[in-house]
N, C-alpha and C. Protein backbone atom coordinates (compact mmCIF):
# COMPACT_ATOMS: atom_id res chain seq x y z
N MET A 1 0.87 -1.19 -0.04
CA MET A 1 0.02 -0.03 -0.03
C MET A 1 0.78 1.22 0.01
N ALA A 2 0.37 2.28 -0.50
CA ALA A 2 1.09 3.58 -0.69
C ALA A 2 0.96 4.38 0.37
N ASN A 3 1.52 4.04 1.57
CA ASN A 3 1.32 4.89 2.73
C ASN A 3 2.26 6.07 2.72
N ASN A 4 3.27 6.05 1.83
CA ASN A 4 4.16 7.26 1.71
C ASN A 4 4.00 7.86 0.23
N ALA A 5 3.73 9.13 0.09
CA ALA A 5 3.39 9.75 -1.17
C ALA A 5 4.94 9.82 -1.94
N ILE A 6 4.80 9.65 -3.12
CA ILE A 6 5.90 9.79 -4.10
C ILE A 6 5.94 11.44 -4.46
N THR A 7 7.12 11.91 -4.19
CA THR A 7 7.26 13.28 -4.57
C THR A 7 7.65 13.60 -5.99
N LEU A 8 6.97 14.46 -6.79
CA LEU A 8 7.22 14.77 -8.11
C LEU A 8 7.27 16.37 -8.18
N LYS A 9 8.31 16.84 -8.83
CA LYS A 9 8.48 18.18 -8.83
C LYS A 9 7.56 18.65 -10.05
N ALA A 10 6.94 19.81 -9.82
CA ALA A 10 6.02 20.50 -10.82
C ALA A 10 6.17 21.83 -11.07
N GLN A 11 5.64 22.36 -12.09
CA GLN A 11 5.56 23.77 -12.24
C GLN A 11 4.21 24.26 -12.85
N ASP A 12 3.79 25.41 -12.51
CA ASP A 12 2.50 25.80 -13.18
C ASP A 12 2.57 25.99 -14.66
N ARG A 13 1.53 25.55 -15.35
CA ARG A 13 1.60 25.60 -16.76
C ARG A 13 0.90 26.84 -17.23
N THR A 14 1.61 27.70 -17.98
CA THR A 14 1.03 28.91 -18.44
C THR A 14 0.62 29.12 -19.74
N GLU A 15 1.07 28.03 -20.75
CA GLU A 15 0.65 28.12 -22.15
C GLU A 15 -0.24 26.85 -22.25
N PHE A 16 -1.31 26.97 -23.16
CA PHE A 16 -2.33 25.93 -23.29
C PHE A 16 -2.36 25.63 -24.83
N GLY A 17 -3.26 24.75 -25.21
CA GLY A 17 -3.47 24.36 -26.54
C GLY A 17 -2.67 23.06 -26.90
N LYS A 18 -3.13 22.46 -28.01
CA LYS A 18 -2.42 21.29 -28.55
C LYS A 18 -1.00 21.53 -28.96
N GLY A 19 -0.70 22.69 -29.37
CA GLY A 19 0.68 23.08 -29.76
C GLY A 19 1.61 23.10 -28.61
N SER A 20 1.08 23.80 -27.53
CA SER A 20 1.99 23.89 -26.44
C SER A 20 2.15 22.55 -25.62
N ALA A 21 0.96 21.78 -25.74
CA ALA A 21 1.31 20.50 -25.08
C ALA A 21 2.19 19.52 -25.81
N ARG A 22 2.19 19.69 -27.16
CA ARG A 22 3.24 18.96 -27.96
C ARG A 22 4.72 19.37 -27.72
N GLN A 23 4.77 20.68 -27.52
CA GLN A 23 6.20 21.37 -27.30
C GLN A 23 6.60 20.92 -25.86
N ALA A 24 5.71 20.75 -24.99
CA ALA A 24 6.05 20.31 -23.65
C ALA A 24 6.54 18.89 -23.60
N ARG A 25 5.89 18.09 -24.37
CA ARG A 25 6.17 16.63 -24.41
C ARG A 25 7.54 16.42 -25.12
N ARG A 26 7.75 17.37 -26.10
CA ARG A 26 9.00 17.23 -26.87
C ARG A 26 10.31 17.68 -25.93
N ALA A 27 9.95 18.50 -24.87
CA ALA A 27 10.91 18.86 -23.86
C ALA A 27 10.91 17.94 -22.71
N GLY A 28 10.29 16.85 -22.88
CA GLY A 28 10.37 16.05 -21.84
C GLY A 28 9.53 16.18 -20.42
N GLN A 29 8.40 16.85 -20.77
CA GLN A 29 7.51 17.33 -19.80
C GLN A 29 6.11 16.71 -20.00
N VAL A 30 5.19 16.49 -18.84
CA VAL A 30 3.94 16.01 -18.95
C VAL A 30 2.97 16.90 -18.54
N PRO A 31 1.93 17.48 -19.34
CA PRO A 31 0.84 18.27 -18.91
C PRO A 31 0.02 17.45 -17.81
N ALA A 32 -0.38 18.20 -16.85
CA ALA A 32 -1.28 17.59 -15.93
C ALA A 32 -2.21 18.47 -15.29
N VAL A 33 -3.36 17.92 -14.78
CA VAL A 33 -4.24 18.98 -14.00
C VAL A 33 -4.70 18.35 -12.74
N VAL A 34 -4.77 19.20 -11.92
CA VAL A 34 -5.01 18.93 -10.38
C VAL A 34 -6.32 19.50 -10.09
N TYR A 35 -7.45 18.73 -9.49
CA TYR A 35 -8.82 19.26 -9.21
C TYR A 35 -9.24 18.55 -7.96
N GLY A 36 -10.35 19.06 -7.39
CA GLY A 36 -10.83 18.50 -6.20
C GLY A 36 -10.88 19.57 -5.04
N HIS A 37 -11.82 19.08 -4.07
CA HIS A 37 -11.95 19.88 -2.84
C HIS A 37 -12.56 21.31 -3.15
N GLY A 38 -13.33 21.32 -4.15
CA GLY A 38 -13.98 22.63 -4.56
C GLY A 38 -13.17 23.72 -5.14
N THR A 39 -11.93 23.30 -5.60
CA THR A 39 -10.94 24.28 -6.08
C THR A 39 -11.03 24.36 -7.59
N GLU A 40 -10.53 25.30 -8.12
CA GLU A 40 -10.53 25.53 -9.65
C GLU A 40 -9.32 24.56 -10.16
N PRO A 41 -9.61 23.86 -11.21
CA PRO A 41 -8.65 22.98 -11.70
C PRO A 41 -7.26 23.79 -11.95
N ARG A 42 -6.14 23.13 -11.61
CA ARG A 42 -4.75 23.76 -11.69
C ARG A 42 -3.97 22.94 -12.63
N HIS A 43 -3.46 23.60 -13.51
CA HIS A 43 -2.69 23.01 -14.54
C HIS A 43 -1.25 23.10 -14.35
N VAL A 44 -0.41 21.99 -14.38
CA VAL A 44 1.00 22.00 -14.19
C VAL A 44 1.72 21.19 -15.18
N LEU A 45 2.84 21.24 -15.17
CA LEU A 45 3.91 20.54 -15.95
C LEU A 45 4.76 19.62 -15.03
N LEU A 46 4.97 18.29 -15.38
CA LEU A 46 5.78 17.35 -14.56
C LEU A 46 7.01 16.94 -15.54
N GLU A 47 7.94 16.39 -14.86
CA GLU A 47 9.01 15.75 -15.50
C GLU A 47 8.49 14.32 -16.08
N GLU A 48 8.57 14.08 -17.32
CA GLU A 48 8.09 12.81 -17.93
C GLU A 48 8.63 11.55 -17.30
N HIS A 49 9.90 11.46 -17.25
CA HIS A 49 10.60 10.24 -16.85
C HIS A 49 10.20 9.86 -15.33
N ALA A 50 10.35 10.90 -14.56
CA ALA A 50 10.12 10.70 -13.20
C ALA A 50 8.55 10.40 -12.92
N THR A 51 7.68 11.04 -13.69
CA THR A 51 6.16 10.68 -13.68
C THR A 51 6.04 9.36 -14.03
N ARG A 52 6.57 8.76 -15.15
CA ARG A 52 6.56 7.61 -15.83
C ARG A 52 7.06 6.32 -14.68
N MET A 53 8.10 6.71 -14.06
CA MET A 53 8.55 5.87 -13.02
C MET A 53 7.59 5.63 -11.78
N ALA A 54 7.01 6.84 -11.40
CA ALA A 54 6.28 6.97 -10.22
C ALA A 54 4.92 6.03 -10.47
N LEU A 55 4.48 6.17 -11.75
CA LEU A 55 3.17 5.48 -12.11
C LEU A 55 3.26 4.25 -12.81
N ARG A 56 4.48 3.72 -12.89
CA ARG A 56 4.62 2.51 -13.88
C ARG A 56 3.80 1.35 -13.41
N SER A 57 3.60 1.15 -12.09
CA SER A 57 2.83 0.02 -11.67
C SER A 57 1.71 0.17 -10.86
N ASN A 58 1.30 1.70 -10.79
CA ASN A 58 0.20 1.99 -9.99
C ASN A 58 -0.40 3.30 -10.49
N ASP A 59 -1.52 2.96 -11.12
CA ASP A 59 -2.22 4.14 -11.76
C ASP A 59 -2.93 4.96 -10.55
N ASN A 60 -3.15 4.45 -9.33
CA ASN A 60 -3.65 5.16 -8.24
C ASN A 60 -2.62 5.71 -7.21
N ALA A 61 -1.54 5.94 -7.69
CA ALA A 61 -0.43 6.37 -6.81
C ALA A 61 -0.64 7.61 -6.10
N LEU A 62 -0.31 7.58 -4.81
CA LEU A 62 -0.41 8.85 -4.03
C LEU A 62 0.82 9.70 -4.20
N VAL A 63 0.68 10.94 -4.75
CA VAL A 63 1.78 11.79 -5.11
C VAL A 63 1.72 13.08 -4.36
N GLU A 64 2.80 13.45 -3.95
CA GLU A 64 2.97 14.91 -3.34
C GLU A 64 3.71 15.88 -4.56
N LEU A 65 2.89 16.70 -5.03
CA LEU A 65 3.33 17.61 -6.06
C LEU A 65 4.13 18.77 -5.42
N ASP A 66 5.48 18.82 -5.79
CA ASP A 66 6.28 19.94 -5.22
C ASP A 66 6.29 21.00 -6.17
N ILE A 67 5.45 22.04 -6.01
CA ILE A 67 5.26 23.11 -7.02
C ILE A 67 6.34 24.17 -6.88
N ALA A 68 6.97 24.53 -7.95
CA ALA A 68 8.08 25.54 -7.82
C ALA A 68 7.52 26.74 -7.29
N GLY A 69 8.35 27.13 -6.25
CA GLY A 69 7.82 28.34 -5.49
C GLY A 69 7.62 27.96 -4.00
N GLY A 70 7.58 26.66 -3.81
CA GLY A 70 7.54 26.11 -2.33
C GLY A 70 6.18 25.56 -1.99
N GLU A 71 5.15 25.58 -2.84
CA GLU A 71 3.81 25.00 -2.48
C GLU A 71 3.81 23.46 -2.83
N THR A 72 3.15 22.79 -1.81
CA THR A 72 3.00 21.26 -2.14
C THR A 72 1.58 21.07 -2.09
N LEU A 73 1.26 19.89 -2.88
CA LEU A 73 -0.18 19.43 -2.96
C LEU A 73 -0.09 17.98 -2.91
N LEU A 74 -0.96 17.40 -2.10
CA LEU A 74 -1.18 16.05 -1.97
C LEU A 74 -2.28 15.59 -2.78
N ALA A 75 -2.05 14.58 -3.85
CA ALA A 75 -2.97 14.21 -4.80
C ALA A 75 -2.84 12.74 -5.11
N LEU A 76 -4.03 12.13 -5.56
CA LEU A 76 -4.09 10.82 -6.00
C LEU A 76 -4.31 10.75 -7.54
N ALA A 77 -3.27 9.99 -8.21
CA ALA A 77 -3.50 9.92 -9.75
C ALA A 77 -4.86 9.21 -10.05
N LYS A 78 -5.70 9.79 -10.96
CA LYS A 78 -6.93 9.30 -11.26
C LYS A 78 -7.06 8.90 -12.66
N ASP A 79 -6.45 9.44 -13.68
CA ASP A 79 -6.46 9.13 -14.99
C ASP A 79 -5.06 9.30 -15.59
N VAL A 80 -4.51 8.22 -15.99
CA VAL A 80 -3.17 8.28 -16.69
C VAL A 80 -3.33 7.98 -18.23
N GLN A 81 -2.99 8.97 -18.93
CA GLN A 81 -2.99 8.64 -20.50
C GLN A 81 -1.59 8.35 -20.89
N ARG A 82 -1.36 7.20 -21.52
CA ARG A 82 -0.10 6.81 -21.90
C ARG A 82 0.06 6.72 -23.40
N HIS A 83 1.31 6.73 -24.00
CA HIS A 83 1.62 6.79 -25.39
C HIS A 83 1.11 5.40 -25.96
N PRO A 84 0.37 5.21 -27.08
CA PRO A 84 -0.11 3.94 -27.48
C PRO A 84 0.90 3.04 -27.97
N ILE A 85 2.07 3.47 -28.15
CA ILE A 85 3.11 2.72 -28.92
C ILE A 85 4.38 2.58 -28.06
N ARG A 86 4.97 3.62 -27.88
CA ARG A 86 6.27 3.68 -26.99
C ARG A 86 5.99 4.02 -25.56
N PRO A 87 6.95 3.64 -24.72
CA PRO A 87 6.73 4.00 -23.30
C PRO A 87 6.69 5.53 -23.12
N GLY A 88 5.81 5.91 -22.25
CA GLY A 88 5.72 7.39 -21.92
C GLY A 88 4.28 7.73 -21.57
N VAL A 89 4.28 8.81 -20.62
CA VAL A 89 2.90 9.22 -19.99
C VAL A 89 2.77 10.56 -20.76
N GLN A 90 1.48 10.76 -21.40
CA GLN A 90 1.19 11.89 -22.02
C GLN A 90 0.40 13.00 -21.30
N HIS A 91 -0.40 12.51 -20.30
CA HIS A 91 -1.25 13.41 -19.48
C HIS A 91 -1.66 12.67 -18.27
N VAL A 92 -1.87 13.37 -17.07
CA VAL A 92 -2.38 12.91 -15.90
C VAL A 92 -3.28 13.77 -15.16
N ASP A 93 -4.46 13.15 -14.76
CA ASP A 93 -5.50 13.83 -13.96
C ASP A 93 -5.22 13.44 -12.45
N PHE A 94 -5.03 14.50 -11.70
CA PHE A 94 -4.73 14.19 -10.22
C PHE A 94 -5.94 14.69 -9.39
N LEU A 95 -6.31 14.02 -8.34
CA LEU A 95 -7.36 14.36 -7.48
C LEU A 95 -6.79 14.77 -6.05
N LEU A 96 -7.06 16.14 -5.72
CA LEU A 96 -6.63 16.58 -4.33
C LEU A 96 -7.10 15.69 -3.20
N VAL A 97 -6.26 15.44 -2.33
CA VAL A 97 -6.77 14.79 -1.21
C VAL A 97 -5.98 15.19 0.10
N ASN A 98 -6.64 14.82 1.27
CA ASN A 98 -5.77 14.89 2.51
C ASN A 98 -5.67 13.63 3.13
N ARG A 99 -4.74 13.56 4.09
CA ARG A 99 -4.40 12.26 4.74
C ARG A 99 -5.45 11.71 5.64
N ASN A 100 -6.44 12.29 5.86
CA ASN A 100 -7.56 11.78 6.79
C ASN A 100 -8.74 11.42 5.98
N GLU A 101 -8.82 11.60 4.85
CA GLU A 101 -9.94 11.16 4.04
C GLU A 101 -9.95 9.83 3.23
N ARG A 102 -11.22 9.35 2.94
CA ARG A 102 -11.28 8.19 2.16
C ARG A 102 -11.75 8.46 0.72
N VAL A 103 -11.32 7.66 -0.21
CA VAL A 103 -11.77 7.85 -1.63
C VAL A 103 -12.13 6.54 -2.22
N ASP A 104 -13.08 6.73 -3.41
CA ASP A 104 -13.48 5.68 -3.98
C ASP A 104 -12.58 5.52 -5.31
N VAL A 105 -11.93 4.42 -5.41
CA VAL A 105 -11.05 4.10 -6.67
C VAL A 105 -11.25 2.84 -7.31
N GLU A 106 -11.04 2.70 -8.49
CA GLU A 106 -11.04 1.29 -9.20
C GLU A 106 -9.53 0.75 -9.09
N VAL A 107 -9.50 -0.50 -8.56
CA VAL A 107 -8.21 -1.14 -8.35
C VAL A 107 -8.20 -2.42 -9.27
N PRO A 108 -7.04 -2.53 -9.85
CA PRO A 108 -7.04 -3.79 -10.80
C PRO A 108 -6.84 -4.98 -9.99
N VAL A 109 -7.49 -6.10 -10.52
CA VAL A 109 -7.57 -7.49 -10.04
C VAL A 109 -6.28 -8.29 -10.33
N THR A 110 -5.62 -8.92 -9.37
CA THR A 110 -4.63 -9.84 -9.73
C THR A 110 -4.96 -11.20 -9.19
N VAL A 111 -4.58 -12.33 -9.76
CA VAL A 111 -4.74 -13.65 -9.26
C VAL A 111 -3.58 -14.16 -8.71
N ILE A 112 -3.56 -14.76 -7.45
CA ILE A 112 -2.53 -15.32 -6.92
C ILE A 112 -2.65 -16.80 -6.47
N GLY A 113 -1.67 -17.42 -5.87
CA GLY A 113 -1.96 -18.80 -5.31
C GLY A 113 -1.64 -19.92 -6.38
N GLU A 114 -1.65 -21.13 -5.86
CA GLU A 114 -1.51 -22.32 -6.58
C GLU A 114 -2.76 -22.95 -7.11
N ALA A 115 -3.10 -22.76 -8.31
CA ALA A 115 -4.34 -23.22 -8.90
C ALA A 115 -4.41 -24.80 -8.81
N THR A 116 -5.67 -25.32 -8.53
CA THR A 116 -5.88 -26.80 -8.54
C THR A 116 -5.63 -27.44 -9.95
N PRO A 117 -4.82 -28.57 -9.90
CA PRO A 117 -4.44 -29.19 -11.20
C PRO A 117 -5.77 -29.41 -11.99
N GLY A 118 -5.59 -29.08 -13.38
CA GLY A 118 -6.80 -29.30 -14.31
C GLY A 118 -7.73 -28.15 -14.26
N THR A 119 -7.43 -26.93 -13.61
CA THR A 119 -8.29 -25.89 -13.65
C THR A 119 -7.62 -24.78 -14.36
N ILE A 120 -8.35 -23.80 -14.76
CA ILE A 120 -8.03 -22.54 -15.37
C ILE A 120 -8.85 -21.43 -14.84
N HIS A 121 -8.27 -20.21 -14.66
CA HIS A 121 -9.03 -19.20 -14.19
C HIS A 121 -9.18 -18.08 -15.21
N MET A 122 -10.29 -17.57 -15.24
CA MET A 122 -10.53 -16.27 -16.01
C MET A 122 -11.06 -15.09 -15.20
N ILE A 123 -10.47 -13.90 -15.42
CA ILE A 123 -10.93 -12.82 -14.72
C ILE A 123 -12.06 -12.15 -15.32
N GLU A 124 -13.27 -12.15 -14.51
CA GLU A 124 -14.47 -11.64 -15.00
C GLU A 124 -14.51 -10.02 -14.79
N ALA A 125 -13.86 -9.60 -13.76
CA ALA A 125 -13.82 -8.15 -13.33
C ALA A 125 -12.43 -7.69 -13.36
N ALA A 126 -11.96 -6.87 -14.47
CA ALA A 126 -10.54 -6.41 -14.40
C ALA A 126 -10.12 -5.54 -13.23
N THR A 127 -11.16 -4.74 -12.77
CA THR A 127 -11.10 -3.86 -11.63
C THR A 127 -12.14 -4.03 -10.74
N VAL A 128 -11.90 -3.53 -9.46
CA VAL A 128 -12.99 -3.53 -8.46
C VAL A 128 -12.99 -2.11 -7.75
N MET A 129 -14.27 -1.57 -7.65
CA MET A 129 -14.35 -0.26 -7.07
C MET A 129 -14.40 -0.58 -5.43
N VAL A 130 -13.45 0.28 -4.94
CA VAL A 130 -13.38 0.23 -3.47
C VAL A 130 -13.24 1.49 -2.75
N SER A 131 -13.58 1.56 -1.52
CA SER A 131 -13.47 2.89 -0.63
C SER A 131 -12.32 2.52 0.12
N ALA A 132 -11.24 3.48 0.27
CA ALA A 132 -9.99 3.17 1.08
C ALA A 132 -9.53 4.57 1.51
N PRO A 133 -8.58 4.49 2.53
CA PRO A 133 -8.03 5.75 2.93
C PRO A 133 -7.18 6.23 1.89
N ALA A 134 -7.13 7.57 1.66
CA ALA A 134 -6.38 8.08 0.51
C ALA A 134 -4.95 7.77 0.64
N VAL A 135 -4.33 7.62 1.93
CA VAL A 135 -3.02 7.30 2.07
C VAL A 135 -2.42 5.86 2.02
N SER A 136 -3.55 4.97 1.72
CA SER A 136 -3.30 3.68 1.48
C SER A 136 -4.20 2.83 0.61
N VAL A 137 -4.34 3.30 -0.53
CA VAL A 137 -5.11 2.65 -1.60
C VAL A 137 -4.17 1.49 -2.10
N PRO A 138 -4.73 0.30 -2.08
CA PRO A 138 -4.00 -0.87 -2.65
C PRO A 138 -3.66 -0.72 -4.07
N GLU A 139 -2.54 -1.20 -4.42
CA GLU A 139 -2.02 -1.20 -5.81
C GLU A 139 -2.91 -2.32 -6.64
N THR A 140 -3.23 -3.42 -6.06
CA THR A 140 -4.06 -4.43 -6.64
C THR A 140 -5.06 -5.09 -5.59
N ILE A 141 -6.02 -5.65 -6.17
CA ILE A 141 -6.89 -6.50 -5.30
C ILE A 141 -6.50 -7.97 -5.65
N GLU A 142 -6.02 -8.62 -4.68
CA GLU A 142 -5.51 -9.98 -4.79
C GLU A 142 -6.60 -11.06 -4.69
N VAL A 143 -6.91 -12.05 -5.55
CA VAL A 143 -7.71 -13.15 -5.36
C VAL A 143 -6.97 -14.47 -5.53
N ASP A 144 -7.02 -15.24 -4.27
CA ASP A 144 -6.34 -16.33 -4.16
C ASP A 144 -7.26 -17.54 -4.76
N VAL A 145 -6.63 -18.10 -5.72
CA VAL A 145 -7.31 -19.37 -6.32
C VAL A 145 -6.79 -20.61 -5.77
N THR A 146 -5.90 -20.80 -4.71
CA THR A 146 -5.31 -21.88 -4.24
C THR A 146 -6.61 -22.83 -3.55
N GLY A 147 -6.59 -23.98 -4.13
CA GLY A 147 -7.55 -25.03 -3.69
C GLY A 147 -8.96 -24.81 -4.20
N ILE A 148 -9.08 -23.88 -5.11
CA ILE A 148 -10.49 -23.66 -5.66
C ILE A 148 -10.94 -24.66 -6.72
N ASP A 149 -12.03 -25.26 -6.41
CA ASP A 149 -12.47 -26.36 -7.45
C ASP A 149 -13.05 -25.62 -8.70
N ALA A 150 -13.07 -26.49 -9.84
CA ALA A 150 -13.47 -26.06 -11.10
C ALA A 150 -15.04 -25.87 -10.95
N GLY A 151 -15.55 -24.94 -11.58
CA GLY A 151 -16.94 -24.62 -11.51
C GLY A 151 -17.30 -23.58 -10.45
N THR A 152 -16.21 -22.98 -9.85
CA THR A 152 -16.47 -21.83 -8.79
C THR A 152 -16.29 -20.61 -9.39
N VAL A 153 -17.24 -19.67 -9.03
CA VAL A 153 -17.21 -18.36 -9.44
C VAL A 153 -16.86 -17.51 -8.10
N LEU A 154 -15.81 -16.76 -8.09
CA LEU A 154 -15.44 -16.15 -6.82
C LEU A 154 -15.98 -14.54 -7.09
N THR A 155 -16.76 -14.16 -6.00
CA THR A 155 -17.49 -12.85 -6.13
C THR A 155 -16.67 -11.93 -5.13
N ILE A 156 -17.10 -10.67 -5.24
CA ILE A 156 -16.42 -9.70 -4.28
C ILE A 156 -16.58 -10.16 -2.86
N ALA A 157 -17.68 -10.80 -2.49
CA ALA A 157 -17.88 -11.17 -1.16
C ALA A 157 -16.83 -12.33 -0.81
N ASP A 158 -16.29 -13.13 -1.67
CA ASP A 158 -15.28 -14.02 -1.32
C ASP A 158 -13.88 -13.51 -1.28
N ILE A 159 -13.70 -12.36 -1.60
CA ILE A 159 -12.27 -11.78 -1.68
C ILE A 159 -11.91 -11.18 -0.16
N THR A 160 -10.76 -11.43 0.23
CA THR A 160 -10.15 -10.88 1.43
C THR A 160 -9.62 -9.59 1.29
N LEU A 161 -10.24 -8.42 1.56
CA LEU A 161 -9.76 -7.11 1.24
C LEU A 161 -8.73 -6.62 2.17
N PRO A 162 -7.79 -5.83 1.76
CA PRO A 162 -6.79 -5.29 2.74
C PRO A 162 -7.49 -4.42 3.88
N LYS A 163 -6.86 -4.46 5.08
CA LYS A 163 -7.32 -3.66 6.22
C LYS A 163 -7.69 -2.35 5.78
N GLY A 164 -8.98 -1.80 6.21
CA GLY A 164 -9.37 -0.48 6.01
C GLY A 164 -9.98 -0.28 4.61
N VAL A 165 -9.97 -1.33 3.79
CA VAL A 165 -10.55 -1.27 2.38
C VAL A 165 -11.89 -1.90 2.53
N GLU A 166 -12.92 -1.21 1.71
CA GLU A 166 -14.15 -1.74 1.66
C GLU A 166 -14.63 -1.74 0.11
N ALA A 167 -15.28 -2.83 -0.24
CA ALA A 167 -15.91 -2.85 -1.58
C ALA A 167 -17.00 -1.94 -1.71
N VAL A 168 -17.06 -1.27 -2.82
CA VAL A 168 -18.27 -0.30 -3.22
C VAL A 168 -19.10 -1.10 -4.10
N ALA A 169 -18.65 -1.95 -4.98
CA ALA A 169 -19.48 -2.62 -5.95
C ALA A 169 -20.30 -3.68 -5.06
N ASP A 170 -21.29 -4.28 -5.98
CA ASP A 170 -22.18 -5.29 -5.35
C ASP A 170 -21.36 -6.44 -4.90
N ALA A 171 -21.69 -6.98 -3.74
CA ALA A 171 -21.00 -8.17 -3.21
C ALA A 171 -20.98 -9.39 -4.11
N GLU A 172 -22.15 -9.49 -4.88
CA GLU A 172 -22.39 -10.64 -5.78
C GLU A 172 -21.70 -10.52 -7.01
N THR A 173 -21.07 -9.37 -7.39
CA THR A 173 -20.43 -9.29 -8.60
C THR A 173 -19.23 -10.33 -8.79
N ALA A 174 -19.38 -10.94 -9.97
CA ALA A 174 -18.21 -12.02 -10.28
C ALA A 174 -16.97 -11.43 -10.57
N VAL A 175 -15.85 -12.06 -9.98
CA VAL A 175 -14.44 -11.40 -10.25
C VAL A 175 -13.64 -12.30 -10.94
N VAL A 176 -13.57 -13.66 -10.45
CA VAL A 176 -12.71 -14.65 -11.13
C VAL A 176 -13.62 -15.98 -11.24
N ASN A 177 -13.59 -16.54 -12.43
CA ASN A 177 -14.14 -17.83 -12.61
C ASN A 177 -13.20 -18.82 -12.87
N VAL A 178 -13.32 -19.93 -12.16
CA VAL A 178 -12.36 -21.06 -12.10
C VAL A 178 -13.12 -22.17 -12.81
N ALA A 179 -12.61 -22.64 -13.91
CA ALA A 179 -13.12 -23.66 -14.74
C ALA A 179 -12.15 -24.88 -15.05
N ASN A 180 -12.82 -25.89 -15.62
CA ASN A 180 -12.12 -27.13 -15.99
C ASN A 180 -11.37 -26.66 -17.31
N GLU A 181 -10.02 -26.91 -17.36
CA GLU A 181 -9.27 -26.49 -18.49
C GLU A 181 -9.58 -27.27 -19.80
N HIS A 182 -9.93 -28.55 -19.50
CA HIS A 182 -10.41 -29.30 -20.70
C HIS A 182 -11.67 -28.97 -21.20
N ALA A 183 -12.61 -28.66 -20.43
CA ALA A 183 -13.78 -28.08 -20.80
C ALA A 183 -13.93 -26.82 -21.68
N VAL A 184 -12.88 -25.92 -21.04
CA VAL A 184 -12.73 -24.64 -21.74
C VAL A 184 -12.04 -24.86 -23.18
N ALA A 185 -10.99 -25.70 -23.30
CA ALA A 185 -10.29 -26.02 -24.50
C ALA A 185 -11.39 -26.64 -25.50
N SER A 186 -12.28 -27.38 -25.15
CA SER A 186 -13.25 -28.03 -25.96
C SER A 186 -14.22 -27.09 -26.59
N GLU A 187 -14.40 -25.96 -25.86
CA GLU A 187 -15.49 -24.90 -26.33
C GLU A 187 -14.85 -24.01 -27.32
N VAL A 188 -13.42 -24.05 -27.53
CA VAL A 188 -12.73 -23.20 -28.49
C VAL A 188 -12.94 -23.93 -30.02
N PRO A 189 -13.50 -23.23 -30.85
CA PRO A 189 -13.66 -23.85 -32.24
C PRO A 189 -12.41 -23.86 -32.90
N GLU A 190 -12.21 -25.02 -33.66
CA GLU A 190 -11.11 -25.00 -34.66
C GLU A 190 -11.08 -23.98 -35.73
N ASP A 191 -9.98 -23.42 -36.02
CA ASP A 191 -9.87 -22.45 -37.08
C ASP A 191 -10.51 -22.94 -38.33
N ALA A 192 -11.38 -22.21 -38.84
CA ALA A 192 -11.90 -22.60 -40.19
C ALA A 192 -11.57 -21.56 -41.16
N PRO A 193 -11.29 -22.09 -42.41
CA PRO A 193 -11.01 -21.00 -43.47
C PRO A 193 -12.21 -19.98 -43.69
N ALA A 194 -11.86 -18.72 -43.83
CA ALA A 194 -12.94 -17.80 -43.97
C ALA A 194 -13.26 -17.83 -45.30
N GLU A 195 -14.65 -17.48 -45.60
CA GLU A 195 -15.33 -17.49 -46.91
C GLU A 195 -14.33 -16.83 -47.86
N GLY A 196 -14.33 -17.45 -49.00
CA GLY A 196 -13.51 -16.74 -50.16
C GLY A 196 -11.97 -17.21 -50.03
N ASP A 197 -11.52 -17.90 -48.93
CA ASP A 197 -10.15 -18.09 -49.01
C ASP A 197 -9.74 -19.06 -50.09
N ASP A 198 -10.72 -20.08 -50.40
CA ASP A 198 -10.25 -20.96 -51.52
C ASP A 198 -10.05 -20.36 -52.82
N GLU A 199 -11.19 -19.42 -52.85
CA GLU A 199 -11.16 -18.74 -54.16
C GLU A 199 -9.91 -17.70 -54.33
N ALA A 200 -9.49 -17.11 -53.20
CA ALA A 200 -8.31 -16.33 -53.17
C ALA A 200 -7.16 -17.19 -53.47
N GLU A 201 -6.97 -18.33 -52.90
CA GLU A 201 -5.84 -19.14 -53.28
C GLU A 201 -5.81 -19.62 -54.66
N ALA A 202 -7.07 -19.92 -55.29
CA ALA A 202 -7.13 -20.25 -56.61
C ALA A 202 -6.64 -19.19 -57.60
N GLU A 203 -7.09 -17.91 -57.22
CA GLU A 203 -6.69 -16.78 -57.98
C GLU A 203 -5.15 -16.63 -57.86
N ALA A 204 -4.67 -16.75 -56.63
CA ALA A 204 -3.20 -16.55 -56.46
C ALA A 204 -2.43 -17.56 -57.35
N GLU A 205 -2.98 -18.80 -57.56
CA GLU A 205 -2.23 -19.76 -58.31
C GLU A 205 -2.25 -19.31 -59.76
């Protein structure tokens, strides 16, 4: 859990528009916006490499923004836009928080444990909405499949959440489905040639 905020240096953004955003990215900076607690959105620029490292494994990271001039803001990453091809963060939305409040966040699901031989698991819910202290939002929600028999659907009610974390979604929401691997394999149809493939091959000859 992120009990300690990651410090990122920031500066107020004074120029706006797509052109200025592209220029900032070329200079190794990331445009970001900070909002919440009834304040006006604040636009800042962050150092791209430091931001990428801070958010590489946790899109809900708790961050302390060290604004040039001596101001600091405690915020939670809410939306991280990444480059579709190469590594890189293009934009971040941050939510202002304080250390005594709770926040609702979507946390990714990961499967742990030793699966029962002959079973395969399928994640039905990639994320789970939870309420957690702002200073200790879990990076992942772990679902243990150790000893779980085929034909079992694990719901939110079956998951052991970290201390202080509560599920917001319906307790009966399916999260992980444990199935018989042979049954799943038999349901996958064999690859069949698409219509026109024979004609295309004939034409190619």
